[in-house]
Amino acid sequence: MQSIPSSAAARQIQPAAAARTQNDAFVRIENVVKKFGDSTAVDNVNLTIAKNELFALLGSSGCGKSTLLRMLAGLETATSGKIFVDGEDLASLPPYRRPVNMM
């Protein structure tokens, strides 16, 4: 049987997503909705991504992944809800002033 090195036992465990506070957030998406006419592309999304956290957005085709990222980048406007990056509400920032890139 292999023992666990003492340095591994001393590592801090990062808080679970539910335990994070607004102060931990680098990207915070609150109740975001995007509609195109009668179609809802993004429906009440809430998401918190901490600074230096690795994050992947996965989903089936047409579920709103690209639309959500386009709103974060400023290429689309949310129908309702708020998007914050590093505590700043992005609603009034034009795309070229946002700390977000998209390919």
C-alpha atoms as a PDB file:
ATOM      1  CA  MET A   1       0.000   0.000   0.000  1.00  0.00           C
ATOM      2  CA  GLN A   2       1.259   3.448  -0.885  1.00  0.00           C
ATOM      3  CA  SER A   3       1.184   6.244   1.696  1.00  0.00           C
ATOM      4  CA  ILE A   4       0.081   9.780   0.904  1.00  0.00           C
ATOM      5  CA  PRO A   5       2.937  12.300   1.029  1.00  0.00           C
ATOM      6  CA  SER A   6       2.539  14.825   3.838  1.00  0.00           C
ATOM      7  CA  SER A   7       2.631  17.717   1.346  1.00  0.00           C
ATOM      8  CA  ALA A   8      -0.476  16.344  -0.399  1.00  0.00           C
ATOM      9  CA  ALA A   9      -2.326  16.082   2.910  1.00  0.00           C
ATOM     10  CA  ALA A  10      -1.533  19.718   3.675  1.00  0.00           C
ATOM     11  CA  ARG A  11      -3.004  21.052   0.419  1.00  0.00           C
ATOM     12  CA  GLN A  12      -6.039  23.251   0.750  1.00  0.00           C
ATOM     13  CA  ILE A  13      -9.251  22.102  -0.847  1.00  0.00           C
ATOM     14  CA  GLN A  14     -10.898  24.717  -3.049  1.00  0.00           C
ATOM     15  CA  PRO A  15     -14.467  25.676  -2.078  1.00  0.00           C
ATOM     16  CA  ALA A  16     -17.285  23.995  -3.973  1.00  0.00           C
ATOM     17  CA  ALA A  17     -19.196  26.162  -6.450  1.00  0.00           C
ATOM     18  CA  ALA A  18     -22.144  26.427  -4.043  1.00  0.00           C
ATOM     19  CA  ALA A  19     -19.865  27.731  -1.269  1.00  0.00           C
ATOM     20  CA  ARG A  20     -18.347  30.537  -3.349  1.00  0.00           C
ATOM     21  CA  THR A  21     -19.274  34.116  -2.656  1.00  0.00           C
ATOM     22  CA  GLN A  22     -19.543  37.061  -5.013  1.00  0.00           C
ATOM     23  CA  ASN A  23     -16.061  38.115  -3.835  1.00  0.00           C
ATOM     24  CA  ASP A  24     -14.574  34.893  -5.281  1.00  0.00           C
ATOM     25  CA  ALA A  25     -16.105  35.428  -8.713  1.00  0.00           C
ATOM     26  CA  PHE A  26     -14.169  36.595 -11.744  1.00  0.00           C
ATOM     27  CA  VAL A  27     -17.087  35.960 -14.117  1.00  0.00           C
ATOM     28  CA  ARG A  28     -20.585  36.135 -12.665  1.00  0.00           C
ATOM     29  CA  ILE A  29     -23.691  35.632 -14.779  1.00  0.00           C
ATOM     30  CA  GLU A  30     -26.987  36.351 -13.024  1.00  0.00           C
ATOM     31  CA  ASN A  31     -30.417  35.347 -14.348  1.00  0.00           C
ATOM     32  CA  VAL A  32     -29.398  35.912 -17.976  1.00  0.00           C
ATOM     33  CA  VAL A  33     -32.064  35.443 -20.638  1.00  0.00           C
ATOM     34  CA  LYS A  34     -31.690  35.949 -24.390  1.00  0.00           C
ATOM     35  CA  LYS A  35     -34.676  35.848 -26.702  1.00  0.00           C
ATOM     36  CA  PHE A  36     -34.815  36.140 -30.463  1.00  0.00           C
ATOM     37  CA  GLY A  37     -38.441  37.008 -31.138  1.00  0.00           C
ATOM     38  CA  ASP A  38     -40.537  34.211 -29.614  1.00  0.00           C
ATOM     39  CA  SER A  39     -37.544  31.841 -29.302  1.00  0.00           C
ATOM     40  CA  THR A  40     -35.584  31.669 -26.061  1.00  0.00           C
ATOM     41  CA  ALA A  41     -31.915  30.910 -26.758  1.00  0.00           C
ATOM     42  CA  VAL A  42     -30.675  31.291 -23.166  1.00  0.00           C
ATOM     43  CA  ASP A  43     -33.112  30.813 -20.293  1.00  0.00           C
ATOM     44  CA  ASN A  44     -32.297  32.149 -16.814  1.00  0.00           C
ATOM     45  CA  VAL A  45     -28.616  31.148 -16.640  1.00  0.00           C
ATOM     46  CA  ASN A  46     -26.703  31.651 -13.387  1.00  0.00           C
ATOM     47  CA  LEU A  47     -22.986  30.923 -13.370  1.00  0.00           C
ATOM     48  CA  THR A  48     -19.950  31.819 -11.274  1.00  0.00           C
ATOM     49  CA  ILE A  49     -16.397  31.231 -12.472  1.00  0.00           C
ATOM     50  CA  ALA A  50     -13.567  31.932 -10.027  1.00  0.00           C
ATOM     51  CA  LYS A  51     -10.307  33.602 -10.989  1.00  0.00           C
ATOM     52  CA  ASN A  52      -7.798  31.024 -12.334  1.00  0.00           C
ATOM     53  CA  GLU A  53     -10.502  28.352 -12.531  1.00  0.00           C
ATOM     54  CA  LEU A  54     -10.512  26.052 -15.550  1.00  0.00           C
ATOM     55  CA  PHE A  55     -14.003  26.047 -17.036  1.00  0.00           C
ATOM     56  CA  ALA A  56     -15.639  24.268 -19.974  1.00  0.00           C
ATOM     57  CA  LEU A  57     -19.070  25.064 -21.394  1.00  0.00           C
ATOM     58  CA  LEU A  58     -20.560  21.908 -22.883  1.00  0.00           C
ATOM     59  CA  GLY A  59     -23.949  21.140 -24.372  1.00  0.00           C
ATOM     60  CA  SER A  60     -25.827  19.890 -27.361  1.00  0.00           C
ATOM     61  CA  SER A  61     -26.158  21.809 -30.602  1.00  0.00           C
ATOM     62  CA  GLY A  62     -28.497  24.779 -30.283  1.00  0.00           C
ATOM     63  CA  CYS A  63     -28.590  24.879 -26.475  1.00  0.00           C
ATOM     64  CA  GLY A  64     -27.229  28.464 -26.197  1.00  0.00           C
ATOM     65  CA  LYS A  65     -23.486  28.007 -25.573  1.00  0.00           C
ATOM     66  CA  SER A  66     -22.358  30.372 -28.335  1.00  0.00           C
ATOM     67  CA  THR A  67     -25.105  32.871 -27.538  1.00  0.00           C
ATOM     68  CA  LEU A  68     -23.992  32.998 -23.897  1.00  0.00           C
ATOM     69  CA  LEU A  69     -20.364  33.538 -24.939  1.00  0.00           C
ATOM     70  CA  ARG A  70     -21.418  36.187 -27.479  1.00  0.00           C
ATOM     71  CA  MET A  71     -23.227  38.058 -24.687  1.00  0.00           C
ATOM     72  CA  LEU A  72     -20.118  37.830 -22.489  1.00  0.00           C
ATOM     73  CA  ALA A  73     -18.039  39.252 -25.364  1.00  0.00           C
ATOM     74  CA  GLY A  74     -20.585  42.022 -26.051  1.00  0.00           C
ATOM     75  CA  LEU A  75     -21.593  40.758 -29.490  1.00  0.00           C
ATOM     76  CA  GLU A  76     -25.178  40.140 -28.294  1.00  0.00           C
ATOM     77  CA  THR A  77     -27.225  41.954 -25.649  1.00  0.00           C
ATOM     78  CA  ALA A  78     -29.017  39.992 -22.942  1.00  0.00           C
ATOM     79  CA  THR A  79     -32.793  40.364 -22.936  1.00  0.00           C
ATOM     80  CA  SER A  80     -32.566  40.391 -19.130  1.00  0.00           C
ATOM     81  CA  GLY A  81     -30.071  39.601 -16.392  1.00  0.00           C
ATOM     82  CA  LYS A  82     -26.555  40.810 -15.663  1.00  0.00           C
ATOM     83  CA  ILE A  83     -23.022  39.778 -16.609  1.00  0.00           C
ATOM     84  CA  PHE A  84     -20.054  40.832 -14.467  1.00  0.00           C
ATOM     85  CA  VAL A  85     -16.326  40.374 -15.064  1.00  0.00           C
ATOM     86  CA  ASP A  86     -14.046  41.108 -12.122  1.00  0.00           C
ATOM     87  CA  GLY A  87     -16.956  42.829 -10.360  1.00  0.00           C
ATOM     88  CA  GLU A  88     -17.765  45.189 -13.257  1.00  0.00           C
ATOM     89  CA  ASP A  89     -21.188  45.109 -14.900  1.00  0.00           C
ATOM     90  CA  LEU A  90     -20.481  44.685 -18.618  1.00  0.00           C
ATOM     91  CA  ALA A  91     -23.802  46.140 -19.815  1.00  0.00           C
ATOM     92  CA  SER A  92     -22.340  49.560 -20.550  1.00  0.00           C
ATOM     93  CA  LEU A  93     -18.981  48.390 -21.950  1.00  0.00           C
ATOM     94  CA  PRO A  94     -18.605  48.087 -25.723  1.00  0.00           C
ATOM     95  CA  PRO A  95     -17.050  44.829 -27.001  1.00  0.00           C
ATOM     96  CA  TYR A  96     -13.635  46.391 -27.644  1.00  0.00           C
ATOM     97  CA  ARG A  97     -13.360  47.470 -23.964  1.00  0.00           C
ATOM     98  CA  ARG A  98     -14.275  44.079 -22.463  1.00  0.00           C
ATOM     99  CA  PRO A  99     -11.577  41.787 -21.055  1.00  0.00           C
ATOM    100  CA  VAL A 100     -13.015  38.937 -23.129  1.00  0.00           C
ATOM    101  CA  ASN A 101     -11.896  37.350 -26.395  1.00  0.00           C
ATOM    102  CA  MET A 102     -13.670  34.835 -28.594  1.00  0.00           C
ATOM    103  CA  MET A 103     -12.573  32.790 -31.598  1.00  0.00           C
END
